[in-house]
Protein backbone atom coordinates (compact mmCIF):
# COMPACT_ATOMS: atom_id res chain seq x y z
CA MET A 1 -51.38 -35.05 -16.51
CA THR A 2 -49.80 -32.92 -14.05
CA THR A 3 -47.36 -33.44 -11.10
CA PHE A 4 -50.56 -34.40 -8.64
CA ASP A 5 -51.12 -37.22 -10.71
CA HIS A 6 -50.20 -39.67 -7.79
CA PHE A 7 -52.49 -37.63 -5.62
CA ASP A 8 -53.84 -40.50 -3.10
CA HIS A 9 -56.77 -39.29 -1.27
CA LEU A 10 -56.40 -42.81 1.10
CA SER A 11 -53.14 -41.91 2.08
CA PRO A 12 -51.91 -41.88 5.81
CA ASP A 13 -49.71 -39.18 5.14
CA LEU A 14 -52.37 -36.67 3.59
CA GLY A 15 -53.91 -36.17 6.88
CA GLU A 16 -50.98 -34.53 8.27
CA ARG A 17 -50.95 -32.31 5.68
CA PHE A 18 -54.34 -32.00 4.49
CA HIS A 19 -54.94 -28.10 4.57
CA GLU A 20 -51.52 -27.08 3.15
CA THR A 21 -51.58 -29.94 0.38
CA LEU A 22 -55.43 -28.64 -0.86
CA ALA A 23 -54.41 -25.30 -0.88
CA ASP A 24 -51.78 -26.24 -3.47
CA LEU A 25 -53.75 -28.07 -5.40
CA ARG A 26 -56.37 -25.10 -5.75
CA ASP A 27 -53.66 -23.12 -6.57
CA ARG A 28 -51.71 -24.84 -9.04
CA CYS A 29 -53.98 -27.21 -10.12
CA PRO A 30 -57.83 -26.82 -9.15
CA VAL A 31 -59.32 -29.86 -11.34
CA LEU A 32 -56.37 -32.83 -11.46
CA HIS A 33 -56.29 -36.85 -12.23
CA SER A 34 -54.77 -38.97 -10.43
CA ASP A 35 -53.89 -42.04 -11.98
CA LEU A 36 -54.09 -44.17 -8.52
CA HIS A 37 -56.97 -46.44 -7.79
CA GLY A 38 -57.80 -47.15 -11.47
CA GLY A 39 -57.77 -43.27 -12.05
CA PHE A 40 -60.41 -40.36 -10.47
CA TRP A 41 -60.52 -36.45 -10.82
CA VAL A 42 -60.22 -33.88 -7.88
CA ALA A 43 -61.99 -30.79 -7.56
CA THR A 44 -60.65 -28.65 -4.96
CA ARG A 45 -62.31 -24.90 -5.56
CA TYR A 46 -65.26 -23.75 -3.92
CA ASP A 47 -67.06 -23.09 -7.34
CA ASP A 48 -66.34 -26.31 -9.12
CA VAL A 49 -67.02 -28.32 -5.87
CA LEU A 50 -70.43 -26.49 -5.81
CA ALA A 51 -71.27 -26.83 -9.43
CA VAL A 52 -70.74 -30.80 -8.93
CA GLY A 53 -72.43 -31.11 -5.90
CA GLN A 54 -75.63 -29.22 -7.77
CA ASP A 55 -75.44 -31.11 -10.83
CA TRP A 56 -76.73 -34.41 -9.93
CA ALA A 57 -77.53 -35.40 -13.90
CA THR A 58 -73.97 -34.89 -14.93
CA PHE A 59 -72.37 -36.57 -11.73
CA SER A 60 -74.21 -39.22 -10.71
CA SER A 61 -74.35 -40.50 -7.09
CA ALA A 62 -76.06 -43.75 -8.26
CA HIS A 63 -72.95 -45.06 -10.14
CA GLY A 64 -70.34 -45.38 -7.11
CA LEU A 65 -69.63 -43.00 -4.52
CA THR A 66 -66.01 -44.00 -3.23
CA VAL A 67 -62.61 -44.36 -5.31
CA PRO A 68 -61.57 -47.07 -4.61
CA VAL A 69 -65.22 -48.87 -4.04
CA ALA A 70 -65.85 -49.92 -0.44
CA PRO A 71 -66.84 -52.91 0.32
CA ILE A 72 -70.64 -52.04 1.15
CA ALA A 73 -72.92 -54.90 1.73
CA THR A 74 -76.11 -52.58 1.28
CA ARG A 75 -76.02 -49.24 -0.59
CA ASN A 76 -76.67 -46.07 1.44
CA ILE A 77 -80.21 -44.67 0.87
CA PRO A 78 -80.51 -41.72 -0.60
CA VAL A 79 -77.34 -40.87 -0.73
CA GLU A 80 -76.18 -43.60 -3.23
CA VAL A 81 -79.68 -42.75 -5.43
CA ASP A 82 -80.49 -40.10 -8.19
CA PRO A 83 -83.48 -37.90 -8.58
CA PRO A 84 -86.43 -38.33 -9.13
CA LEU A 85 -86.56 -41.41 -6.84
CA HIS A 86 -84.18 -39.66 -4.29
CA ARG A 87 -86.34 -37.21 -3.35
CA GLU A 88 -89.02 -39.52 -1.94
CA TYR A 89 -86.21 -41.15 0.16
CA LYS A 90 -85.49 -37.45 0.97
CA ARG A 91 -88.66 -36.47 1.78
CA LEU A 92 -89.35 -39.35 4.11
CA ILE A 93 -85.94 -38.70 6.06
CA ASN A 94 -86.14 -34.72 6.21
CA ALA A 95 -89.91 -34.90 7.82
CA HIS A 96 -88.43 -36.54 11.04
CA PHE A 97 -85.27 -34.13 11.18
CA THR A 98 -86.61 -30.64 10.96
CA PRO A 99 -85.72 -27.98 13.12
CA ALA A 100 -88.91 -28.66 15.19
CA LYS A 101 -88.41 -32.43 15.63
CA VAL A 102 -85.44 -31.60 16.53
CA ALA A 103 -85.97 -29.01 19.37
CA ALA A 104 -88.24 -31.55 20.73
CA TRP A 105 -84.92 -33.69 22.03
CA ASP A 106 -83.29 -30.27 23.29
CA GLY A 107 -83.63 -31.76 27.48
CA PRO A 108 -82.92 -34.93 26.74
CA THR A 109 -79.44 -34.03 24.62
CA ARG A 110 -78.62 -31.43 27.13
CA ALA A 111 -79.31 -34.02 30.16
CA LEU A 112 -77.06 -36.64 28.66
CA VAL A 113 -73.97 -33.86 27.73
CA ARG A 114 -73.76 -33.14 31.25
CA ARG A 115 -74.12 -36.93 32.34
CA LEU A 116 -71.08 -37.13 29.96
CA LEU A 117 -69.10 -34.29 31.45
CA ASN A 118 -69.90 -35.05 34.84
CA GLY A 119 -68.13 -38.44 34.38
CA PHE A 120 -64.39 -36.45 33.80
CA VAL A 121 -64.47 -32.91 34.73
CA ALA A 122 -63.55 -33.53 38.08
CA LYS A 123 -60.54 -34.71 37.01
CA GLY A 124 -59.15 -31.54 34.99
CA ALA A 125 -58.21 -34.31 32.18
CA CYS A 126 -59.65 -36.40 29.50
CA GLU A 127 -59.14 -38.54 26.56
CA PHE A 128 -61.62 -36.10 24.91
CA MET A 129 -62.61 -38.43 21.84
CA ASP A 130 -63.16 -41.34 23.75
CA GLU A 131 -64.94 -40.01 27.10
CA PHE A 132 -67.01 -37.50 24.99
CA ALA A 133 -67.00 -36.71 21.23
CA ARG A 134 -67.63 -40.24 20.11
CA PRO A 135 -70.20 -41.36 22.86
CA PHE A 136 -72.49 -38.20 22.34
CA PRO A 137 -73.65 -38.22 19.24
CA SER A 138 -73.60 -42.16 19.63
CA LEU A 139 -75.95 -42.43 22.49
CA MET A 140 -77.70 -39.21 21.49
CA PHE A 141 -78.92 -41.25 17.99
CA PHE A 142 -79.39 -44.55 19.57
CA GLU A 143 -80.65 -43.74 22.91
CA ILE A 144 -82.95 -40.73 22.37
CA ALA A 145 -83.71 -40.59 18.31
CA ILE A 146 -84.09 -44.17 17.65
CA GLY A 147 -84.45 -45.79 20.81
CA ALA A 148 -81.88 -48.68 20.54
CA PRO A 149 -81.14 -51.22 22.96
CA ALA A 150 -78.30 -49.55 25.27
CA ASP A 151 -76.41 -52.55 25.84
CA GLN A 152 -75.75 -52.52 21.99
CA ILE A 153 -74.91 -49.05 20.84
CA GLU A 154 -70.98 -49.24 22.10
CA HIS A 155 -71.15 -52.45 19.74
CA VAL A 156 -72.87 -50.93 16.63
CA ALA A 157 -71.27 -47.66 16.98
CA HIS A 158 -67.59 -49.35 16.54
CA LEU A 159 -69.14 -51.08 13.12
CA ALA A 160 -70.09 -47.72 11.70
CA SER A 161 -66.72 -45.94 12.69
CA ARG A 162 -64.76 -48.97 11.27
CA ALA A 163 -67.05 -49.52 8.22
CA SER A 164 -66.80 -45.96 7.17
CA THR A 165 -63.23 -46.26 7.22
CA PRO A 166 -62.22 -47.45 3.55
CA THR A 167 -58.52 -48.07 4.89
CA ALA A 168 -59.49 -49.86 8.14
CA PRO A 169 -58.70 -53.83 7.46
CA ASP A 170 -61.86 -54.88 9.02
CA ALA A 171 -63.76 -52.53 6.89
CA ALA A 172 -65.80 -55.36 4.84
CA GLU A 173 -66.01 -57.44 8.20
CA CYS A 174 -67.81 -54.08 10.18
CA TRP A 175 -70.32 -53.40 6.73
CA ALA A 176 -71.66 -56.85 7.22
CA GLY A 177 -72.04 -56.53 10.90
CA LEU A 178 -73.40 -53.27 10.77
CA SER A 179 -76.31 -54.35 8.20
CA GLN A 180 -77.04 -57.70 10.10
CA TRP A 181 -77.22 -55.36 13.19
CA ILE A 182 -79.50 -53.34 11.32
CA THR A 183 -81.52 -56.08 9.82
CA ASP A 184 -82.34 -57.05 13.46
CA PHE A 185 -83.06 -54.24 15.01
CA VAL A 186 -85.59 -53.53 12.11
CA GLU A 187 -86.97 -56.85 12.74
CA GLU A 188 -87.49 -56.21 16.50
CA ARG A 189 -89.15 -52.53 15.78
CA ARG A 190 -91.74 -54.45 13.58
CA ARG A 191 -92.53 -56.45 16.81
CA ARG A 192 -92.65 -53.41 18.90
CA PRO A 193 -95.49 -50.52 19.40
CA PRO A 194 -94.60 -48.10 17.31
CA ARG A 195 -92.37 -44.98 18.42
CA GLY A 196 -93.39 -42.74 15.96
CA ASP A 197 -89.79 -42.07 14.97
CA VAL A 198 -87.89 -42.09 11.64
CA VAL A 199 -87.54 -45.99 11.85
CA ASP A 200 -91.28 -46.47 12.09
CA ALA A 201 -91.73 -44.17 9.19
CA VAL A 202 -89.32 -46.17 7.34
CA ILE A 203 -90.72 -49.64 8.02
CA ALA A 204 -94.42 -48.24 6.70
CA ALA A 205 -92.97 -46.62 3.76
CA GLU A 206 -94.45 -46.55 0.55
CA VAL A 207 -92.17 -45.82 -2.44
CA GLU A 208 -93.03 -45.31 -6.14
CA GLY A 209 -96.52 -46.49 -4.83
CA ARG A 210 -95.18 -49.71 -3.55
CA PRO A 211 -94.30 -50.86 -0.09
CA ILE A 212 -91.09 -50.29 0.69
CA THR A 213 -88.42 -52.96 0.27
CA GLN A 214 -85.78 -55.07 3.27
CA ASP A 215 -82.95 -53.76 1.45
CA GLU A 216 -84.31 -50.39 0.91
CA ILE A 217 -85.01 -50.31 4.71
CA VAL A 218 -81.65 -51.32 5.77
CA GLY A 219 -80.02 -49.17 3.50
CA ILE A 220 -81.67 -46.09 5.04
CA VAL A 221 -81.10 -47.04 8.50
CA GLN A 222 -77.33 -47.57 7.61
CA LEU A 223 -77.56 -43.99 6.16
CA LEU A 224 -79.08 -42.49 9.35
CA VAL A 225 -76.51 -44.44 11.43
CA LEU A 226 -73.37 -43.53 9.43
CA GLY A 227 -74.25 -39.88 8.82
CA GLY A 228 -74.38 -38.56 12.17
CA LEU A 229 -71.69 -40.65 14.29
CA GLU A 230 -68.07 -39.98 13.06
CA THR A 231 -69.08 -36.48 11.33
CA THR A 232 -70.22 -35.15 14.44
CA ALA A 233 -67.42 -36.67 16.40
CA GLY A 234 -64.73 -35.44 14.01
CA ALA A 235 -66.17 -31.76 14.18
CA LEU A 236 -66.38 -31.71 18.19
CA GLY A 237 -62.71 -33.06 18.19
CA LEU A 238 -61.33 -30.72 15.79
CA MET A 239 -63.05 -27.83 17.78
CA VAL A 240 -61.74 -28.82 20.64
CA GLU A 241 -58.52 -28.91 19.05
CA ARG A 242 -58.46 -25.38 17.65
CA PHE A 243 -59.49 -24.42 21.25
CA CYS A 244 -56.58 -25.46 22.71
CA HIS A 245 -54.30 -23.54 20.10
CA GLU A 246 -56.36 -20.76 19.67
CA PRO A 247 -57.39 -20.11 23.55
CA GLU A 248 -59.31 -16.55 22.58
CA ILE A 249 -62.56 -18.61 20.83
CA PRO A 250 -63.42 -20.46 23.99
CA ALA A 251 -63.16 -16.79 25.85
CA LEU A 252 -65.18 -15.38 23.64
CA LEU A 253 -67.69 -17.67 23.80
CA ARG A 254 -68.13 -17.93 27.55
CA ALA A 255 -68.14 -13.99 27.26
CA GLU A 256 -70.73 -14.29 24.46
CA PRO A 257 -72.58 -17.69 24.89
CA GLU A 258 -75.03 -16.41 22.39
CA ARG A 259 -72.67 -16.17 19.11
CA ILE A 260 -72.03 -20.23 19.69
CA PRO A 261 -74.34 -20.76 17.02
CA ALA A 262 -72.50 -18.63 14.61
CA ALA A 263 -69.10 -19.77 16.21
CA ILE A 264 -70.22 -23.38 14.97
CA GLU A 265 -70.82 -22.28 11.70
CA GLU A 266 -67.44 -20.53 11.14
CA LEU A 267 -65.56 -23.37 12.94
CA LEU A 268 -67.50 -26.09 10.49
CA ARG A 269 -65.68 -24.45 7.69
CA LEU A 270 -62.39 -24.15 8.92
CA ASP A 271 -62.12 -27.62 9.87
CA SER A 272 -65.02 -30.14 8.24
CA SER A 273 -65.12 -33.14 9.34
CA PHE A 274 -67.39 -34.37 6.39
CA VAL A 275 -64.38 -33.89 3.80
CA SER A 276 -64.95 -34.95 0.18
CA ILE A 277 -67.47 -37.56 -1.50
CA ALA A 278 -66.95 -38.69 -4.79
CA ARG A 279 -69.34 -38.75 -8.10
CA THR A 280 -69.60 -40.46 -11.51
CA ALA A 281 -69.64 -38.77 -14.83
CA THR A 282 -72.62 -39.68 -16.72
CA THR A 283 -71.75 -37.70 -20.03
CA ASP A 284 -68.51 -35.99 -21.48
CA THR A 285 -68.34 -32.71 -19.69
CA GLU A 286 -65.79 -29.82 -19.04
CA LEU A 287 -64.70 -28.82 -15.29
CA GLY A 288 -62.24 -26.16 -14.91
CA GLY A 289 -60.76 -26.10 -18.32
CA GLN A 290 -60.09 -30.25 -17.60
CA THR A 291 -62.41 -32.61 -19.92
CA ILE A 292 -64.20 -35.75 -18.00
CA ARG A 293 -64.86 -38.24 -19.69
CA ALA A 294 -68.43 -40.47 -19.47
CA GLY A 295 -67.68 -43.01 -16.38
CA GLU A 296 -65.42 -41.24 -14.82
CA LYS A 297 -65.14 -40.49 -11.00
CA ILE A 298 -64.31 -37.09 -9.48
CA VAL A 299 -63.71 -36.46 -5.66
CA ILE A 300 -65.04 -33.21 -4.98
CA TYR A 301 -63.44 -31.70 -1.72
CA TRP A 302 -65.53 -29.69 0.47
CA ALA A 303 -63.02 -28.89 2.94
CA SER A 304 -60.94 -27.51 0.24
CA ALA A 305 -64.04 -25.19 -1.11
CA ASN A 306 -64.68 -23.86 2.56
CA ARG A 307 -60.98 -22.45 2.46
CA ASP A 308 -60.81 -21.04 -1.24
CA GLU A 309 -59.91 -17.82 -0.72
CA ARG A 310 -62.06 -16.77 -4.07
CA GLU A 311 -65.17 -17.27 -1.58
CA PHE A 312 -63.74 -16.23 1.89
CA PRO A 313 -61.45 -13.88 2.66
CA ASN A 314 -58.66 -14.69 4.89
CA PRO A 315 -59.95 -17.93 4.99
CA ASP A 316 -57.45 -19.79 7.34
CA ALA A 317 -58.42 -17.33 10.04
CA PHE A 318 -61.47 -17.77 12.82
CA ASP A 319 -63.78 -14.88 11.91
CA LEU A 320 -66.99 -14.31 13.40
CA ASP A 321 -67.75 -10.94 11.89
CA ARG A 322 -67.65 -12.22 8.11
CA PRO A 323 -70.51 -10.86 6.01
CA THR A 324 -71.45 -14.21 4.25
CA ASN A 325 -70.28 -18.01 5.39
CA ARG A 326 -71.94 -19.97 2.34
CA HIS A 327 -69.78 -23.19 3.83
CA LEU A 328 -70.36 -26.36 2.43
CA ALA A 329 -69.77 -28.57 5.37
CA PHE A 330 -73.21 -30.30 4.94
CA GLY A 331 -72.65 -31.11 1.20
CA ALA A 332 -74.79 -28.89 -1.61
CA GLY A 333 -77.51 -29.61 -4.02
CA PRO A 334 -79.87 -32.37 -3.42
CA HIS A 335 -77.64 -34.42 -1.56
CA ARG A 336 -77.16 -32.37 1.60
CA CYS A 337 -77.06 -33.87 4.67
CA ALA A 338 -80.83 -34.16 6.12
CA GLY A 339 -79.22 -34.58 9.57
CA SER A 340 -77.84 -30.69 9.32
CA SER A 341 -80.44 -29.54 11.52
CA LEU A 342 -79.36 -32.44 14.35
CA ALA A 343 -76.20 -31.54 14.01
CA ARG A 344 -76.07 -28.31 14.26
CA ALA A 345 -78.35 -28.30 17.45
CA ASN A 346 -75.77 -31.14 18.78
CA LEU A 347 -72.98 -29.23 18.15
CA ARG A 348 -74.77 -26.50 19.95
CA ILE A 349 -75.80 -27.88 23.24
CA ALA A 350 -72.41 -29.59 23.79
CA LEU A 351 -70.55 -26.19 23.48
CA GLU A 352 -73.14 -24.56 25.58
CA GLU A 353 -72.53 -26.95 28.12
CA LEU A 354 -68.85 -27.80 27.92
CA LEU A 355 -67.23 -24.39 27.38
CA PRO A 356 -68.43 -23.05 31.08
CA ARG A 357 -67.02 -25.80 32.63
CA LEU A 358 -64.09 -26.38 31.09
CA HIS A 359 -61.35 -23.54 31.39
CA ASP A 360 -58.04 -23.29 30.29
CA ILE A 361 -58.08 -26.12 27.99
CA ARG A 362 -54.70 -27.42 26.52
CA LEU A 363 -53.07 -30.75 25.21
CA GLN A 364 -51.70 -32.70 27.57
CA ASP A 365 -48.11 -32.73 27.64
CA GLY A 366 -46.30 -34.65 24.82
CA ALA A 367 -49.76 -35.74 23.09
CA GLU A 368 -49.42 -36.22 19.50
CA VAL A 369 -52.72 -35.22 17.84
CA ARG A 370 -52.76 -37.01 14.30
CA HIS A 371 -55.47 -36.57 11.97
CA PRO A 372 -56.51 -39.43 9.49
CA THR A 373 -58.69 -38.36 6.77
CA THR A 374 -60.51 -40.54 3.79
CA SER A 375 -64.07 -38.85 3.31
CA THR A 376 -64.31 -37.96 6.82
CA ARG A 377 -61.47 -36.40 8.91
CA THR A 378 -62.27 -37.96 12.82
CA LEU A 379 -59.17 -37.42 15.25
CA ALA A 380 -57.96 -40.96 16.40
CA SER A 381 -57.55 -39.29 19.83
CA LEU A 382 -57.43 -36.25 21.77
CA PRO A 383 -55.90 -35.91 25.27
CA ILE A 384 -56.50 -32.44 26.98
CA THR A 385 -56.19 -31.16 30.09
CA PHE A 386 -58.25 -28.22 31.58
CA THR A 387 -59.41 -26.40 34.46
CA PRO A 388 -62.61 -27.37 36.17
CA ALA A 389 -64.88 -24.48 36.57
CA GLY A 390 -68.41 -24.23 37.88
CA PRO A 391 -70.87 -26.90 39.94
CA ALA A 392 -72.12 -29.81 38.24
CA PRO A 393 -75.69 -28.80 36.97
CA THR A 394 -77.97 -31.35 37.82
């Protein structure tokens, strides 16, 4: 047991000292045991996090992902399934989120971004999370990717946000509501002519030589909903917050927009919104000099690995000239995010459209930005001011 034996990954206080705390853990106790929430391990260094993420046989996703266990009505598939079955689900999803498939959405996605920006740019101020960061990935996914009814998008996005926050008092209620919405949506899609999208593919799929079950369909669509909304919103918010404090970054990207894709990778490394996930040991094993027993849970911190000085020299600095950037913002191993191409495209288009039109981005006077952190890191609010620039694109 260590001086960190009461480490609480769900503590509201962690969010405000997040990177400082993780740096302390990496230095003093990189693999620690906490006695809270029934007991669990925490890994913070790059090599340990990567090892756990890649070794699905020793560190299972099928035996519980959260500490404590969230009130999930239907398990998320394929993130809560181990290989070999996991591979069948993953291939089904991957086929609809390839770079080529995502590129076909570039036009309508750019039009959506411009529409949202046109709603507030002339004011010179906005609540960035409410007016852009959250509605953008929700509208993009529901309107463009899966064709959900427009009048339901705000409601289901709220359910997804609350359900993915274990400390929310209405988390259980929102999980149930989200599962019911997905069930109703799937039934409606069965009655419609096929769109040829991922939902149609899931409904018609065969798994292990048998027709896919209703629970499996709901679990897959549920993960698709949860996987890209809060994480993309969180990434956008954290990027713009950094722009407020380091104006040289947006200035550079306005002058050299061709560097935006590389900048996104560095910003994702610095300010990961998908910060951690849990695994369960299937056998007694050793990690970082500690013995982990079969059945014990371990939380691995992607966000900590991404600032490990053993992997990234000067890890707290934005550096577009890093010779390598093997960040883990999308996870690692077989469970690496299937939607990474979509996330990158959305972030790229957002910055390409946003930066030329918002100059001198800064926090509004008196603004207090809070950083609630569980397995994702998404700002509750980000009130900013800016100088409008350029004509509104059509």
